[in-house]
C-alpha atoms as a PDB file:
ATOM      1  CA  MET A   1      66.174  83.954 116.492  1.00  0.00           C
ATOM      2  CA  LYS A   2      69.015  84.087 113.959  1.00  0.00           C
ATOM      3  CA  LYS A   3      72.382  83.291 115.474  1.00  0.00           C
ATOM      4  CA  ILE A   4      75.211  85.845 115.409  1.00  0.00           C
ATOM      5  CA  ASN A   5      78.176  84.755 113.307  1.00  0.00           C
ATOM      6  CA  LEU A   6      81.427  85.244 115.233  1.00  0.00           C
ATOM      7  CA  LEU A   7      83.527  85.009 112.083  1.00  0.00           C
ATOM      8  CA  GLY A   8      85.752  88.082 111.979  1.00  0.00           C
ATOM      9  CA  TYR A   9      85.517  88.826 115.700  1.00  0.00           C
ATOM     10  CA  SER A  10      88.888  89.903 117.071  1.00  0.00           C
ATOM     11  CA  LEU A  11      90.385  88.877 120.394  1.00  0.00           C
ATOM     12  CA  SER A  12      89.195  92.109 121.992  1.00  0.00           C
ATOM     13  CA  ASP A  13      85.724  91.609 120.471  1.00  0.00           C
ATOM     14  CA  LEU A  14      85.445  88.158 122.045  1.00  0.00           C
ATOM     15  CA  GLU A  15      86.797  89.362 125.374  1.00  0.00           C
ATOM     16  CA  GLN A  16      84.092  92.035 125.453  1.00  0.00           C
ATOM     17  CA  LEU A  17      81.480  89.479 124.438  1.00  0.00           C
ATOM     18  CA  MET A  18      82.410  87.314 127.412  1.00  0.00           C
ATOM     19  CA  LEU A  19      82.288  90.297 129.771  1.00  0.00           C
ATOM     20  CA  ASP A  20      78.834  91.163 128.443  1.00  0.00           C
ATOM     21  CA  MET A  21      77.765  87.586 129.200  1.00  0.00           C
ATOM     22  CA  GLY A  22      78.949  87.951 132.793  1.00  0.00           C
ATOM     23  CA  GLU A  23      82.060  85.813 132.244  1.00  0.00           C
ATOM     24  CA  LYS A  24      85.722  86.533 132.924  1.00  0.00           C
ATOM     25  CA  LYS A  25      87.646  88.396 130.228  1.00  0.00           C
ATOM     26  CA  PHE A  26      90.136  85.550 129.702  1.00  0.00           C
ATOM     27  CA  ARG A  27      87.291  83.371 128.414  1.00  0.00           C
ATOM     28  CA  GLY A  28      87.365  85.500 125.267  1.00  0.00           C
ATOM     29  CA  GLY A  29      90.968  84.451 124.693  1.00  0.00           C
ATOM     30  CA  GLN A  30      90.031  80.808 125.095  1.00  0.00           C
ATOM     31  CA  LEU A  31      87.208  81.160 122.585  1.00  0.00           C
ATOM     32  CA  PHE A  32      89.533  82.958 120.161  1.00  0.00           C
ATOM     33  CA  LYS A  33      91.957  80.010 120.235  1.00  0.00           C
ATOM     34  CA  TRP A  34      89.200  77.465 119.725  1.00  0.00           C
ATOM     35  CA  LEU A  35      87.806  79.277 116.689  1.00  0.00           C
ATOM     36  CA  TYR A  36      90.890  80.507 114.836  1.00  0.00           C
ATOM     37  CA  ARG A  37      93.747  78.254 115.948  1.00  0.00           C
ATOM     38  CA  ASP A  38      92.030  74.955 116.673  1.00  0.00           C
ATOM     39  CA  HIS A  39      89.215  75.360 114.113  1.00  0.00           C
ATOM     40  CA  GLN A  40      86.688  74.031 116.570  1.00  0.00           C
ATOM     41  CA  THR A  41      83.307  75.526 115.732  1.00  0.00           C
ATOM     42  CA  GLU A  42      81.137  73.267 117.905  1.00  0.00           C
ATOM     43  CA  PHE A  43      80.741  75.048 121.235  1.00  0.00           C
ATOM     44  CA  GLU A  44      79.738  71.818 122.996  1.00  0.00           C
ATOM     45  CA  LEU A  45      83.227  70.434 122.297  1.00  0.00           C
ATOM     46  CA  MET A  46      85.068  73.383 123.877  1.00  0.00           C
ATOM     47  CA  THR A  47      86.066  71.415 126.928  1.00  0.00           C
ATOM     48  CA  ASP A  48      87.490  74.212 129.080  1.00  0.00           C
ATOM     49  CA  PHE A  49      84.094  75.951 129.212  1.00  0.00           C
ATOM     50  CA  SER A  50      81.354  75.035 131.653  1.00  0.00           C
ATOM     51  CA  LYS A  51      78.313  73.222 130.303  1.00  0.00           C
ATOM     52  CA  GLU A  52      76.217  76.303 131.045  1.00  0.00           C
ATOM     53  CA  LEU A  53      78.514  78.607 129.059  1.00  0.00           C
ATOM     54  CA  ARG A  54      78.621  76.192 126.142  1.00  0.00           C
ATOM     55  CA  GLN A  55      74.834  76.142 126.048  1.00  0.00           C
ATOM     56  CA  LYS A  56      74.642  79.956 126.141  1.00  0.00           C
ATOM     57  CA  LEU A  57      77.093  80.237 123.278  1.00  0.00           C
ATOM     58  CA  ASP A  58      75.295  77.619 121.218  1.00  0.00           C
ATOM     59  CA  GLU A  59      71.941  79.367 121.683  1.00  0.00           C
ATOM     60  CA  LYS A  60      73.134  82.775 120.444  1.00  0.00           C
ATOM     61  CA  PHE A  61      76.205  82.309 118.262  1.00  0.00           C
ATOM     62  CA  GLU A  62      77.779  80.349 115.439  1.00  0.00           C
ATOM     63  CA  PHE A  63      81.075  80.378 113.517  1.00  0.00           C
ATOM     64  CA  LYS A  64      80.339  79.915 109.836  1.00  0.00           C
ATOM     65  CA  SER A  65      82.830  80.555 107.045  1.00  0.00           C
ATOM     66  CA  MET A  66      81.732  80.918 103.408  1.00  0.00           C
ATOM     67  CA  GLN A  67      79.095  79.392 101.139  1.00  0.00           C
ATOM     68  CA  LEU A  68      80.699  77.894  98.047  1.00  0.00           C
ATOM     69  CA  LEU A  69      78.750  78.580  94.877  1.00  0.00           C
ATOM     70  CA  HIS A  70      81.130  77.187  92.304  1.00  0.00           C
ATOM     71  CA  SER A  71      84.747  76.135  91.813  1.00  0.00           C
ATOM     72  CA  GLN A  72      87.017  75.520  88.829  1.00  0.00           C
ATOM     73  CA  THR A  73      90.241  73.513  88.794  1.00  0.00           C
ATOM     74  CA  SER A  74      92.917  74.238  86.210  1.00  0.00           C
ATOM     75  CA  GLU A  75      95.139  71.704  84.514  1.00  0.00           C
ATOM     76  CA  ASP A  76      98.050  73.250  86.441  1.00  0.00           C
ATOM     77  CA  GLY A  77      96.377  72.670  89.828  1.00  0.00           C
ATOM     78  CA  THR A  78      95.122  76.202  90.367  1.00  0.00           C
ATOM     79  CA  ILE A  79      91.655  76.275  91.935  1.00  0.00           C
ATOM     80  CA  LYS A  80      89.298  79.230  91.672  1.00  0.00           C
ATOM     81  CA  PHE A  81      86.446  79.433  94.196  1.00  0.00           C
ATOM     82  CA  LEU A  82      83.325  81.520  93.798  1.00  0.00           C
ATOM     83  CA  PHE A  83      81.561  82.226  97.080  1.00  0.00           C
ATOM     84  CA  ASN A  84      78.030  83.480  97.589  1.00  0.00           C
ATOM     85  CA  LEU A  85      77.714  86.090 100.325  1.00  0.00           C
ATOM     86  CA  ASP A  86      74.678  86.487 102.574  1.00  0.00           C
ATOM     87  CA  ASP A  87      73.277  89.196 100.286  1.00  0.00           C
ATOM     88  CA  ASN A  88      73.788  86.942  97.230  1.00  0.00           C
ATOM     89  CA  LEU A  89      76.786  88.852  95.898  1.00  0.00           C
ATOM     90  CA  PRO A  90      79.691  86.826  94.436  1.00  0.00           C
ATOM     91  CA  VAL A  91      83.315  86.987  95.531  1.00  0.00           C
ATOM     92  CA  GLU A  92      86.386  85.072  94.329  1.00  0.00           C
ATOM     93  CA  THR A  93      89.321  83.297  95.922  1.00  0.00           C
ATOM     94  CA  VAL A  94      92.156  81.548  94.071  1.00  0.00           C
ATOM     95  CA  LEU A  95      94.441  78.826  95.470  1.00  0.00           C
ATOM     96  CA  ILE A  96      97.738  78.474  93.599  1.00  0.00           C
ATOM     97  CA  PRO A  97     100.038  75.546  94.434  1.00  0.00           C
ATOM     98  CA  ASP A  98     103.726  75.827  93.578  1.00  0.00           C
ATOM     99  CA  PHE A  99     104.731  72.381  92.422  1.00  0.00           C
ATOM    100  CA  GLY A 100     108.179  71.351  93.554  1.00  0.00           C
ATOM    101  CA  SER A 101     107.898  73.263  96.828  1.00  0.00           C
ATOM    102  CA  GLU A 102     105.647  73.480  99.870  1.00  0.00           C
ATOM    103  CA  ARG A 103     104.518  76.968  98.911  1.00  0.00           C
ATOM    104  CA  LYS A 104     100.773  77.347  98.351  1.00  0.00           C
ATOM    105  CA  THR A 105      99.545  80.855  97.713  1.00  0.00           C
ATOM    106  CA  VAL A 106      95.955  81.935  98.213  1.00  0.00           C
ATOM    107  CA  CYS A 107      94.749  85.100  96.518  1.00  0.00           C
ATOM    108  CA  ILE A 108      91.837  86.601  98.447  1.00  0.00           C
ATOM    109  CA  SER A 109      89.389  89.425  97.767  1.00  0.00           C
ATOM    110  CA  SER A 110      88.653  92.506  99.855  1.00  0.00           C
ATOM    111  CA  GLN A 111      85.646  93.958  98.000  1.00  0.00           C
ATOM    112  CA  VAL A 112      82.780  92.884  95.767  1.00  0.00           C
ATOM    113  CA  GLY A 113      83.773  94.475  92.502  1.00  0.00           C
ATOM    114  CA  CYS A 114      86.098  97.465  92.455  1.00  0.00           C
ATOM    115  CA  ALA A 115      85.704 101.219  92.087  1.00  0.00           C
ATOM    116  CA  VAL A 116      89.251 101.800  90.804  1.00  0.00           C
ATOM    117  CA  ASN A 117      88.194 100.633  87.328  1.00  0.00           C
ATOM    118  CA  CYS A 118      91.577  99.876  85.780  1.00  0.00           C
ATOM    119  CA  GLY A 119      91.148  99.690  82.023  1.00  0.00           C
ATOM    120  CA  PHE A 120      92.433  96.112  81.711  1.00  0.00           C
ATOM    121  CA  CYS A 121      90.674  94.458  84.657  1.00  0.00           C
ATOM    122  CA  ALA A 122      87.652  92.136  84.642  1.00  0.00           C
ATOM    123  CA  THR A 123      86.722  93.120  88.194  1.00  0.00           C
ATOM    124  CA  GLY A 124      86.496  96.742  87.112  1.00  0.00           C
ATOM    125  CA  LYS A 125      83.838  95.780  84.568  1.00  0.00           C
ATOM    126  CA  MET A 126      81.619  94.619  87.454  1.00  0.00           C
ATOM    127  CA  GLY A 127      81.570  98.035  89.048  1.00  0.00           C
ATOM    128  CA  PHE A 128      81.645  98.360  92.833  1.00  0.00           C
ATOM    129  CA  SER A 129      79.019  96.756  95.076  1.00  0.00           C
ATOM    130  CA  ARG A 130      80.442  96.947  98.601  1.00  0.00           C
ATOM    131  CA  ASP A 131      83.359  96.325 100.943  1.00  0.00           C
ATOM    132  CA  LEU A 132      83.817  92.896 102.441  1.00  0.00           C
ATOM    133  CA  THR A 133      83.633  92.691 106.220  1.00  0.00           C
ATOM    134  CA  ALA A 134      86.649  91.466 108.159  1.00  0.00           C
ATOM    135  CA  GLY A 135      84.739  88.205 108.611  1.00  0.00           C
ATOM    136  CA  GLU A 136      84.185  87.788 104.882  1.00  0.00           C
ATOM    137  CA  ILE A 137      87.864  88.460 104.197  1.00  0.00           C
ATOM    138  CA  ILE A 138      89.157  86.028 106.821  1.00  0.00           C
ATOM    139  CA  GLY A 139      86.330  83.612 105.974  1.00  0.00           C
ATOM    140  CA  GLN A 140      87.983  82.809 102.658  1.00  0.00           C
ATOM    141  CA  LEU A 141      90.970  81.441 104.582  1.00  0.00           C
ATOM    142  CA  VAL A 142      88.818  79.668 107.155  1.00  0.00           C
ATOM    143  CA  TYR A 143      86.974  77.864 104.345  1.00  0.00           C
ATOM    144  CA  LEU A 144      90.209  76.608 102.796  1.00  0.00           C
ATOM    145  CA  ARG A 145      91.502  75.278 106.100  1.00  0.00           C
ATOM    146  CA  GLU A 146      88.178  73.582 106.756  1.00  0.00           C
ATOM    147  CA  GLU A 147      88.345  71.917 103.343  1.00  0.00           C
ATOM    148  CA  PHE A 148      92.063  71.148 103.003  1.00  0.00           C
ATOM    149  CA  GLY A 149      93.545  71.281 106.509  1.00  0.00           C
ATOM    150  CA  LEU A 150      95.997  73.587 108.265  1.00  0.00           C
ATOM    151  CA  ASP A 151      98.492  73.383 105.397  1.00  0.00           C
ATOM    152  CA  ALA A 152      95.906  74.457 102.799  1.00  0.00           C
ATOM    153  CA  PHE A 153      98.023  77.533 102.090  1.00  0.00           C
ATOM    154  CA  SER A 154     101.356  78.997 103.158  1.00  0.00           C
ATOM    155  CA  ASN A 155     101.101  82.519 101.734  1.00  0.00           C
ATOM    156  CA  VAL A 156      98.232  84.999 101.545  1.00  0.00           C
ATOM    157  CA  VAL A 157      98.034  87.797  99.000  1.00  0.00           C
ATOM    158  CA  MET A 158      95.270  90.378  98.761  1.00  0.00           C
ATOM    159  CA  MET A 159      95.369  90.588  94.996  1.00  0.00           C
ATOM    160  CA  GLY A 160      91.849  89.370  94.358  1.00  0.00           C
ATOM    161  CA  MET A 161      88.763  91.442  93.726  1.00  0.00           C
ATOM    162  CA  GLY A 162      88.847  94.994  95.015  1.00  0.00           C
ATOM    163  CA  GLU A 163      91.316  97.614  96.225  1.00  0.00           C
ATOM    164  CA  PRO A 164      92.357  96.529  99.740  1.00  0.00           C
ATOM    165  CA  LEU A 165      93.373  99.990 100.930  1.00  0.00           C
ATOM    166  CA  ALA A 166      89.939 101.367 100.003  1.00  0.00           C
ATOM    167  CA  ASN A 167      88.570  98.966 102.649  1.00  0.00           C
ATOM    168  CA  PHE A 168      91.298  99.886 105.091  1.00  0.00           C
ATOM    169  CA  ASP A 169      89.783  99.159 108.511  1.00  0.00           C
ATOM    170  CA  ASN A 170      88.321  95.759 107.606  1.00  0.00           C
ATOM    171  CA  VAL A 171      91.507  94.705 105.819  1.00  0.00           C
ATOM    172  CA  VAL A 172      93.700  95.687 108.767  1.00  0.00           C
ATOM    173  CA  LYS A 173      91.419  93.815 111.176  1.00  0.00           C
ATOM    174  CA  ALA A 174      91.545  90.732 108.955  1.00  0.00           C
ATOM    175  CA  VAL A 175      95.346  90.906 108.728  1.00  0.00           C
ATOM    176  CA  GLU A 176      95.587  91.155 112.510  1.00  0.00           C
ATOM    177  CA  LEU A 177      93.548  87.941 112.730  1.00  0.00           C
ATOM    178  CA  MET A 178      95.912  86.266 110.264  1.00  0.00           C
ATOM    179  CA  LEU A 179      98.972  87.261 112.280  1.00  0.00           C
ATOM    180  CA  ALA A 180      97.565  86.619 115.766  1.00  0.00           C
ATOM    181  CA  PRO A 181      99.821  84.162 117.661  1.00  0.00           C
ATOM    182  CA  THR A 182      96.747  82.490 119.167  1.00  0.00           C
ATOM    183  CA  GLY A 183      94.813  82.799 115.909  1.00  0.00           C
ATOM    184  CA  MET A 184      95.815  81.843 112.366  1.00  0.00           C
ATOM    185  CA  MET A 185      99.503  82.273 113.240  1.00  0.00           C
ATOM    186  CA  LEU A 186     100.731  83.418 109.829  1.00  0.00           C
ATOM    187  CA  SER A 187     104.134  85.053 109.477  1.00  0.00           C
ATOM    188  CA  ARG A 188     104.269  88.735 108.484  1.00  0.00           C
ATOM    189  CA  LYS A 189     106.509  87.709 105.600  1.00  0.00           C
ATOM    190  CA  LYS A 190     103.764  85.429 104.297  1.00  0.00           C
ATOM    191  CA  VAL A 191     101.052  88.098 104.020  1.00  0.00           C
ATOM    192  CA  THR A 192     100.956  90.617 101.167  1.00  0.00           C
ATOM    193  CA  ILE A 193      98.628  93.528 100.448  1.00  0.00           C
ATOM    194  CA  SER A 194      98.483  94.651  96.836  1.00  0.00           C
ATOM    195  CA  THR A 195      97.354  98.182  96.034  1.00  0.00           C
ATOM    196  CA  SER A 196      96.797 100.114  92.830  1.00  0.00           C
ATOM    197  CA  GLY A 197      98.407 103.132  94.458  1.00  0.00           C
ATOM    198  CA  ASN A 198      96.483 105.007  97.159  1.00  0.00           C
ATOM    199  CA  SER A 199      99.429 107.037  98.471  1.00  0.00           C
ATOM    200  CA  PRO A 200      97.922 108.310 101.775  1.00  0.00           C
ATOM    201  CA  LYS A 201      96.683 104.832 102.698  1.00  0.00           C
ATOM    202  CA  ILE A 202     100.111 103.327 101.955  1.00  0.00           C
ATOM    203  CA  LYS A 203     101.593 105.700 104.538  1.00  0.00           C
ATOM    204  CA  LYS A 204      98.755 104.900 106.942  1.00  0.00           C
ATOM    205  CA  LEU A 205      99.463 101.184 106.526  1.00  0.00           C
ATOM    206  CA  ALA A 206     103.122 101.817 107.314  1.00  0.00           C
ATOM    207  CA  ASP A 207     102.100 103.564 110.531  1.00  0.00           C
ATOM    208  CA  THR A 208     100.076 100.546 111.743  1.00  0.00           C
ATOM    209  CA  GLY A 209     103.307  98.654 112.385  1.00  0.00           C
ATOM    210  CA  LEU A 210     101.944  95.484 110.774  1.00  0.00           C
ATOM    211  CA  ASP A 211     105.095  95.345 108.614  1.00  0.00           C
ATOM    212  CA  ILE A 212     103.581  92.936 106.110  1.00  0.00           C
ATOM    213  CA  CYS A 213     104.664  92.774 102.480  1.00  0.00           C
ATOM    214  CA  LEU A 214     103.481  95.505 100.141  1.00  0.00           C
ATOM    215  CA  ALA A 215     102.864  94.946  96.435  1.00  0.00           C
ATOM    216  CA  ILE A 216     102.205  97.770  94.003  1.00  0.00           C
ATOM    217  CA  SER A 217     100.161  97.265  90.844  1.00  0.00           C
ATOM    218  CA  LEU A 218     102.347  99.525  88.734  1.00  0.00           C
ATOM    219  CA  HIS A 219     102.040  98.372  85.088  1.00  0.00           C
ATOM    220  CA  ALA A 220     103.561 101.561  83.687  1.00  0.00           C
ATOM    221  CA  ALA A 221     106.601 103.514  84.840  1.00  0.00           C
ATOM    222  CA  THR A 222     105.596 106.985  83.631  1.00  0.00           C
ATOM    223  CA  GLN A 223     102.656 109.142  84.648  1.00  0.00           C
ATOM    224  CA  GLU A 224     101.665 109.586  81.014  1.00  0.00           C
ATOM    225  CA  LYS A 225     101.236 105.859  80.376  1.00  0.00           C
ATOM    226  CA  ARG A 226      99.941 104.923  83.801  1.00  0.00           C
ATOM    227  CA  VAL A 227      97.054 107.350  83.690  1.00  0.00           C
ATOM    228  CA  LYS A 228      95.914 105.794  80.396  1.00  0.00           C
ATOM    229  CA  ILE A 229      95.222 102.426  82.015  1.00  0.00           C
ATOM    230  CA  MET A 230      94.732 103.282  85.716  1.00  0.00           C
ATOM    231  CA  PRO A 231      92.362 106.163  86.560  1.00  0.00           C
ATOM    232  CA  ILE A 232      93.680 106.215  90.138  1.00  0.00           C
ATOM    233  CA  ALA A 233      96.894 107.738  88.745  1.00  0.00           C
ATOM    234  CA  GLU A 234      94.986 110.949  88.086  1.00  0.00           C
ATOM    235  CA  THR A 235      94.443 111.385  91.829  1.00  0.00           C
ATOM    236  CA  PHE A 236      97.638 109.802  93.113  1.00  0.00           C
ATOM    237  CA  GLY A 237     100.385 110.652  90.638  1.00  0.00           C
ATOM    238  CA  ILE A 238     103.435 108.469  90.253  1.00  0.00           C
ATOM    239  CA  GLU A 239     105.756 110.906  92.050  1.00  0.00           C
ATOM    240  CA  LYS A 240     103.636 110.958  95.222  1.00  0.00           C
ATOM    241  CA  LEU A 241     103.118 107.221  94.919  1.00  0.00           C
ATOM    242  CA  MET A 242     106.858 106.583  94.952  1.00  0.00           C
ATOM    243  CA  GLN A 243     107.283 108.868  97.954  1.00  0.00           C
ATOM    244  CA  ALA A 244     104.700 106.811  99.850  1.00  0.00           C
ATOM    245  CA  ILE A 245     106.345 103.541  98.780  1.00  0.00           C
ATOM    246  CA  ARG A 246     109.750 104.685  99.990  1.00  0.00           C
ATOM    247  CA  TYR A 247     108.153 105.749 103.281  1.00  0.00           C
ATOM    248  CA  TYR A 248     106.622 102.283 103.680  1.00  0.00           C
ATOM    249  CA  SER A 249     109.882 100.543 102.821  1.00  0.00           C
ATOM    250  CA  GLU A 250     111.894 102.587 105.318  1.00  0.00           C
ATOM    251  CA  LYS A 251     109.355 102.330 108.136  1.00  0.00           C
ATOM    252  CA  SER A 252     108.567  98.619 107.752  1.00  0.00           C
ATOM    253  CA  ARG A 253     112.077  97.591 106.658  1.00  0.00           C
ATOM    254  CA  THR A 254     110.566  95.330 104.036  1.00  0.00           C
ATOM    255  CA  GLN A 255     111.284  94.878 100.357  1.00  0.00           C
ATOM    256  CA  VAL A 256     108.501  96.295  98.200  1.00  0.00           C
ATOM    257  CA  MET A 257     107.208  94.245  95.285  1.00  0.00           C
ATOM    258  CA  PHE A 258     106.121  95.834  92.003  1.00  0.00           C
ATOM    259  CA  GLU A 259     103.623  93.997  89.819  1.00  0.00           C
ATOM    260  CA  TYR A 260     104.153  94.928  86.167  1.00  0.00           C
ATOM    261  CA  ILE A 261     101.683  93.412  83.701  1.00  0.00           C
ATOM    262  CA  ILE A 262     103.024  93.587  80.164  1.00  0.00           C
ATOM    263  CA  PHE A 263     100.539  94.476  77.437  1.00  0.00           C
ATOM    264  CA  ASP A 264     101.558  93.826  73.859  1.00  0.00           C
ATOM    265  CA  ASN A 265     102.805  96.992  72.165  1.00  0.00           C
ATOM    266  CA  PHE A 266     102.010  99.287  75.108  1.00  0.00           C
ATOM    267  CA  ASN A 267     104.552  99.080  77.936  1.00  0.00           C
ATOM    268  CA  ASP A 268     107.045  96.609  76.482  1.00  0.00           C
ATOM    269  CA  LYS A 269     109.672  98.782  74.763  1.00  0.00           C
ATOM    270  CA  MET A 270     113.240  99.651  75.681  1.00  0.00           C
ATOM    271  CA  GLU A 271     112.061 103.081  76.788  1.00  0.00           C
ATOM    272  CA  ASP A 272     109.819 101.316  79.308  1.00  0.00           C
ATOM    273  CA  VAL A 273     112.770  99.312  80.615  1.00  0.00           C
ATOM    274  CA  HIS A 274     114.745 102.508  81.214  1.00  0.00           C
ATOM    275  CA  ALA A 275     111.770 104.289  82.792  1.00  0.00           C
ATOM    276  CA  LEU A 276     111.093 101.407  85.185  1.00  0.00           C
ATOM    277  CA  ALA A 277     114.745 101.069  86.205  1.00  0.00           C
ATOM    278  CA  LYS A 278     114.958 104.814  86.858  1.00  0.00           C
ATOM    279  CA  LEU A 279     111.735 104.821  88.880  1.00  0.00           C
ATOM    280  CA  VAL A 280     112.897 102.196  91.422  1.00  0.00           C
ATOM    281  CA  ARG A 281     116.549 103.228  91.606  1.00  0.00           C
ATOM    282  CA  GLY A 282     117.886 102.980  95.148  1.00  0.00           C
ATOM    283  CA  LEU A 283     114.783 101.203  96.467  1.00  0.00           C
ATOM    284  CA  PRO A 284     115.016  97.659  97.895  1.00  0.00           C
ATOM    285  CA  CYS A 285     112.456  95.958  95.710  1.00  0.00           C
ATOM    286  CA  LYS A 286     111.459  93.061  93.533  1.00  0.00           C
ATOM    287  CA  ILE A 287     109.740  93.406  90.168  1.00  0.00           C
ATOM    288  CA  ASN A 288     107.344  90.709  89.011  1.00  0.00           C
ATOM    289  CA  LEU A 289     106.642  90.698  85.284  1.00  0.00           C
ATOM    290  CA  LEU A 290     103.351  89.132  84.218  1.00  0.00           C
ATOM    291  CA  ALA A 291     101.897  88.558  80.784  1.00  0.00           C
ATOM    292  CA  TYR A 292      98.423  90.009  80.419  1.00  0.00           C
ATOM    293  CA  ASN A 293      95.536  87.549  80.665  1.00  0.00           C
ATOM    294  CA  PRO A 294      93.042  88.712  78.010  1.00  0.00           C
ATOM    295  CA  VAL A 295      89.576  89.716  79.211  1.00  0.00           C
ATOM    296  CA  GLU A 296      86.550  89.436  76.952  1.00  0.00           C
ATOM    297  CA  GLY A 297      85.469  92.849  75.708  1.00  0.00           C
ATOM    298  CA  LEU A 298      88.783  94.596  76.410  1.00  0.00           C
ATOM    299  CA  ASP A 299      91.260  95.569  73.682  1.00  0.00           C
ATOM    300  CA  PHE A 300      94.539  94.747  75.405  1.00  0.00           C
ATOM    301  CA  LYS A 301      96.534  91.851  73.993  1.00  0.00           C
ATOM    302  CA  ARG A 302      98.838  89.280  75.539  1.00  0.00           C
ATOM    303  CA  PRO A 303     102.543  89.600  74.663  1.00  0.00           C
ATOM    304  CA  SER A 304     104.522  86.696  73.259  1.00  0.00           C
ATOM    305  CA  GLU A 305     106.694  84.571  75.511  1.00  0.00           C
ATOM    306  CA  GLU A 306     109.722  85.870  73.586  1.00  0.00           C
ATOM    307  CA  LYS A 307     108.743  89.465  74.381  1.00  0.00           C
ATOM    308  CA  MET A 308     108.335  88.615  78.076  1.00  0.00           C
ATOM    309  CA  ASN A 309     111.771  87.010  78.241  1.00  0.00           C
ATOM    310  CA  TRP A 310     113.357  89.876  76.298  1.00  0.00           C
ATOM    311  CA  PHE A 311     111.880  92.495  78.613  1.00  0.00           C
ATOM    312  CA  GLY A 312     112.979  90.575  81.696  1.00  0.00           C
ATOM    313  CA  GLY A 313     116.469  90.117  80.276  1.00  0.00           C
ATOM    314  CA  GLN A 314     116.848  93.832  79.568  1.00  0.00           C
ATOM    315  CA  LEU A 315     115.513  94.818  82.980  1.00  0.00           C
ATOM    316  CA  SER A 316     117.414  92.272  85.054  1.00  0.00           C
ATOM    317  CA  PRO A 317     120.834  93.988  85.247  1.00  0.00           C
ATOM    318  CA  ARG A 318     119.207  97.354  85.971  1.00  0.00           C
ATOM    319  CA  VAL A 319     117.071  96.518  89.052  1.00  0.00           C
ATOM    320  CA  PRO A 320     117.663  94.593  92.324  1.00  0.00           C
ATOM    321  CA  VAL A 321     115.492  91.552  91.501  1.00  0.00           C
ATOM    322  CA  VAL A 322     113.222  90.715  88.578  1.00  0.00           C
ATOM    323  CA  THR A 323     111.162  87.607  87.896  1.00  0.00           C
ATOM    324  CA  VAL A 324     109.074  86.627  84.883  1.00  0.00           C
ATOM    325  CA  ARG A 325     106.052  84.886  86.334  1.00  0.00           C
ATOM    326  CA  LYS A 326     104.263  82.175  84.440  1.00  0.00           C
ATOM    327  CA  SER A 327     100.518  82.584  84.084  1.00  0.00           C
ATOM    328  CA  ARG A 328      98.465  80.160  86.142  1.00  0.00           C
ATOM    329  CA  GLY A 329      94.946  78.891  85.575  1.00  0.00           C
ATOM    330  CA  ARG A 330      94.523  80.311  82.089  1.00  0.00           C
ATOM    331  CA  ASP A 331      91.973  77.608  81.282  1.00  0.00           C
ATOM    332  CA  ILE A 332      89.620  78.586  84.139  1.00  0.00           C
ATOM    333  CA  ASP A 333      88.756  82.281  83.747  1.00  0.00           C
ATOM    334  CA  ALA A 334      92.199  83.163  85.014  1.00  0.00           C
ATOM    335  CA  ALA A 335      92.003  86.946  85.161  1.00  0.00           C
ATOM    336  CA  CYS A 336      90.838  88.366  88.468  1.00  0.00           C
ATOM    337  CA  GLY A 337      87.090  88.887  88.541  1.00  0.00           C
ATOM    338  CA  GLN A 338      86.205  86.910  85.424  1.00  0.00           C
ATOM    339  CA  LEU A 339      84.264  84.184  87.205  1.00  0.00           C
ATOM    340  CA  ALA A 340      82.452  86.622  89.481  1.00  0.00           C
ATOM    341  CA  ALA A 341      81.731  88.939  86.566  1.00  0.00           C
ATOM    342  CA  LYS A 342      80.086  86.086  84.689  1.00  0.00           C
ATOM    343  CA  GLN A 343      77.972  85.301  87.716  1.00  0.00           C
ATOM    344  CA  GLN A 344      77.086  88.934  88.208  1.00  0.00           C
ATOM    345  CA  LEU A 345      76.006  89.190  84.587  1.00  0.00           C
ATOM    346  CA  GLY A 346      73.782  86.167  85.031  1.00  0.00           C
ATOM    347  CA  ARG A 347      75.674  83.956  82.610  1.00  0.00           C
ATOM    348  CA  LYS A 348      75.454  80.206  82.902  1.00  0.00           C
ATOM    349  CA  LEU A 349      78.464  78.747  84.680  1.00  0.00           C
ATOM    350  CA  ASP A 350      80.222  75.693  83.327  1.00  0.00           C
ATOM    351  CA  VAL A 351      79.928  72.893  85.853  1.00  0.00           C
END
C-alpha cells in the first residue's frame, strides 16, 4: 500500500490525524514540530512517541519533499532548481544569495505554468497545467533546508511560476506553515507574495490577517500601457487595483512593493516616470526597477544600464523608495519559467 505523504499537513490536520488513530490531540502538535521545525522525517527517531505509535506512523505515512530533476548554478551564485512532481510536471525554484550579507532569498512557485499569460513572460508560454498543493509549495523550502541546512534561506518570495492569488487557499495554507512558531518559524516580514493584480484576492489576503509583504507586478503605470502587456488588466483595471493595494496597506500596516520591469522603448520615458510617481502618491511603498531578461521568441528587448540608471534617478526624488535591482543568474535561463518551459517542450537540458 502506498504511503500517505504528510508534506503540507497543517497543525490541525495532524491533530485530527492523531485523533483518528485513537491518540491524544496533542500528539499532532508533537508530530508537527518533528516534521517542520526539527526536520526529522524518520518516525522511529521521534523519541516522545511510543514504539507502537512510531510503527503505526511508519506503516502508513511518510514525509517526502521534492524530486530534483535538474539544477543550474550561475556565476553569481544563483541556483535554479527544476523539480519533477508526482505527475511528471516540472516546477522551478530559485535560490539567490546576497553576497556581503546573510540574506538569502528563495523564489518559489505556486502553479505549474500560468494562466495570466503576460506578454513578456516565459511561464506564460507554457500555458497553465494546474495549481500546486500546499505540500508542493512548502516542499520547495523543505528540500532546500534538507540540502543546505536551516540557514538555506532567510527570505521567501512567491515570484516564481504561477499567479499565487489564483491558488489562494493552497498558498495561504503554505504561508501559515512558513509562519508557524512550531513549524518553519519564518518572520512575516521575510515572506512576500507577488501578484499580477487580482484586486478581489488582494483584499481577501488583507482580511486573512497574515500581514505578510505584498509585491505587485506593475510594469506600466497607465491602464493603456498595462493592458498591452498584461491581459489581467482588462479584468482588473489599474484604478481598482490601486484601491485594493491601498486597502491592503492600511489593513496590514505594511509597505507595499511594486515590481517594475523596464522594457526598452516601451515604459522607460519621462512620461512613464511621471505616471508612476502619480500612481503611488501618498502610499507607503517601495519601487523595484528591473531590467527585462529577454525570453526566446518574445519581441521585448532589454534596456541599457544607462537607461536603467537614468530612469531610477528621475524617479527617486518623486517616490518614497526606489531601487535599481541587478539581474541575477542571467547565464542560467534567468527569466522565470525558462528552464521549466524547456523541459515542458521536451528540449534537451544542459547538464
